Amino acid sequence: MNIEELRDYCLSLKGVTEEFPFDETTLVFKVVGKIFCITDLQDKFSVALKNDPEKNIELREEFPAVKPGYHLSKTHWNTIEIDGSMPDDLIKNLIDESYDLVVLKLKKDEKQKLKDY
């Protein structure tokens, strides 16, 4: 997976927008204004994704490319180095899980906004 494939995949999900809220190299993907995916366009290609705390521990144990979230909650976020050691399908599944977790926590009016997309 490369940055263009990551971007295309994230933007294919319902209600997703992209922006640079922190600086000119940190690309953030949001669903109804809530962050579910973060990547940096300048440094090593990696992606930060939210997941269930227990699953995060399992992923870190199974894959050396998966580390606790960099500058994020280490309990809820992982930073995954995209170096070819993990299958693209698994990365896409993890993006989906991050997206779904964020959507699950949306308020009622935010969920309605997402339905209207």
Protein backbone atom coordinates (compact mmCIF):
# COMPACT_ATOMS: atom_id res chain seq x y z
CA MET A 1 0.00 0.00 0.00
CA ASN A 2 1.24 3.48 -0.79
CA ILE A 3 -0.03 6.90 0.28
CA GLU A 4 -2.28 7.30 -2.78
CA GLU A 5 -3.92 3.92 -2.14
CA LEU A 6 -4.38 4.79 1.54
CA ARG A 7 -5.93 8.14 0.64
CA ASP A 8 -8.24 6.64 -2.00
CA TYR A 9 -9.37 3.91 0.38
CA CYS A 10 -10.09 6.29 3.27
CA LEU A 11 -11.97 8.73 1.02
CA SER A 12 -14.08 5.86 -0.35
CA LEU A 13 -15.69 5.43 3.08
CA LYS A 14 -18.98 7.19 3.68
CA GLY A 15 -18.77 10.75 5.01
CA VAL A 16 -14.97 10.96 5.07
CA THR A 17 -13.07 14.21 4.64
CA GLU A 18 -9.36 14.97 4.74
CA GLU A 19 -7.47 17.91 6.17
CA PHE A 20 -4.18 19.11 7.63
CA PRO A 21 -5.19 20.40 11.09
CA PHE A 22 -1.76 20.10 12.75
CA ASP A 23 0.79 21.04 10.10
CA GLU A 24 1.38 20.82 6.34
CA THR A 25 2.60 17.18 6.41
CA THR A 26 0.17 15.44 8.79
CA LEU A 27 -2.82 14.24 6.79
CA VAL A 28 -5.92 13.45 8.85
CA PHE A 29 -9.03 11.58 7.75
CA LYS A 30 -12.26 12.29 9.59
CA VAL A 31 -15.78 10.95 9.57
CA VAL A 32 -18.30 13.68 10.45
CA GLY A 33 -15.46 15.72 11.95
CA LYS A 34 -14.01 12.90 14.10
CA ILE A 35 -10.50 11.56 13.43
CA PHE A 36 -10.13 7.87 12.56
CA CYS A 37 -6.86 7.84 10.58
CA ILE A 38 -3.67 9.91 10.67
CA THR A 39 -0.63 9.71 8.41
CA ASP A 40 2.46 11.81 7.81
CA LEU A 41 3.47 12.69 4.27
CA GLN A 42 7.07 13.52 5.12
CA ASP A 43 8.47 10.88 7.49
CA LYS A 44 8.43 7.08 7.21
CA PHE A 45 5.10 5.92 5.81
CA SER A 46 2.94 4.96 8.75
CA VAL A 47 -0.69 5.25 9.75
CA ALA A 48 -2.29 5.79 13.15
CA LEU A 49 -5.55 3.92 13.67
CA LYS A 50 -7.95 3.50 16.55
CA ASN A 51 -8.93 0.04 17.78
CA ASP A 52 -10.20 -1.95 20.72
CA PRO A 53 -7.56 -1.95 23.53
CA GLU A 54 -7.35 -5.76 23.68
CA LYS A 55 -6.99 -6.06 19.93
CA ASN A 56 -4.28 -3.38 20.00
CA ILE A 57 -2.22 -5.53 22.36
CA GLU A 58 -2.69 -8.60 20.14
CA LEU A 59 -1.65 -6.67 17.02
CA ARG A 60 1.47 -5.32 18.74
CA GLU A 61 2.45 -8.83 19.82
CA GLU A 62 1.85 -10.35 16.37
CA PHE A 63 3.30 -7.66 14.08
CA PRO A 64 6.58 -5.81 14.70
CA ALA A 65 5.30 -2.99 12.44
CA VAL A 66 2.53 -2.20 14.97
CA LYS A 67 3.51 0.12 17.83
CA PRO A 68 1.55 2.07 20.45
CA GLY A 69 0.07 5.26 19.01
CA TYR A 70 2.67 7.99 18.56
CA HIS A 71 1.51 11.12 20.43
CA LEU A 72 -1.88 9.45 20.92
CA SER A 73 -3.61 7.34 23.56
CA LYS A 74 -1.47 4.19 23.72
CA THR A 75 -4.53 2.26 24.85
CA HIS A 76 -6.78 3.11 21.92
CA TRP A 77 -4.40 3.93 19.06
CA ASN A 78 -1.69 2.07 17.16
CA THR A 79 0.87 3.45 14.76
CA ILE A 80 1.48 0.98 11.96
CA GLU A 81 4.59 1.27 9.84
CA ILE A 82 3.61 0.55 6.24
CA ASP A 83 6.68 -1.38 5.16
CA GLY A 84 5.24 -4.36 3.28
CA SER A 85 5.32 -6.66 6.30
CA MET A 86 1.52 -6.57 6.72
CA PRO A 87 -0.94 -7.48 3.95
CA ASP A 88 -2.84 -4.56 2.42
CA ASP A 89 -6.13 -6.32 3.16
CA LEU A 90 -5.30 -6.40 6.86
CA ILE A 91 -4.45 -2.70 6.84
CA LYS A 92 -7.74 -1.96 5.08
CA ASN A 93 -9.59 -4.04 7.69
CA LEU A 94 -7.90 -2.05 10.45
CA ILE A 95 -8.90 1.20 8.73
CA ASP A 96 -12.48 -0.08 8.59
CA GLU A 97 -12.39 -1.01 12.27
CA SER A 98 -11.07 2.43 13.21
CA TYR A 99 -13.78 4.09 11.11
CA ASP A 100 -16.49 1.86 12.63
CA LEU A 101 -15.33 2.57 16.20
CA VAL A 102 -15.52 6.30 15.58
CA VAL A 103 -18.94 6.02 13.90
CA LEU A 104 -20.22 3.98 16.85
CA LYS A 105 -19.36 6.84 19.23
CA LEU A 106 -21.03 9.56 17.13
CA LYS A 107 -23.89 11.49 18.67
CA LYS A 108 -27.38 10.94 17.32
CA ASP A 109 -27.35 14.09 15.16
CA GLU A 110 -23.88 13.22 13.82
CA LYS A 111 -25.09 9.74 12.87
CA GLN A 112 -28.01 11.34 11.05
CA LYS A 113 -25.59 13.62 9.20
CA LEU A 114 -23.62 10.55 8.13
CA LYS A 115 -26.80 8.83 6.88
CA ASP A 116 -27.53 11.90 4.73
CA TYR A 117 -24.19 11.59 2.89
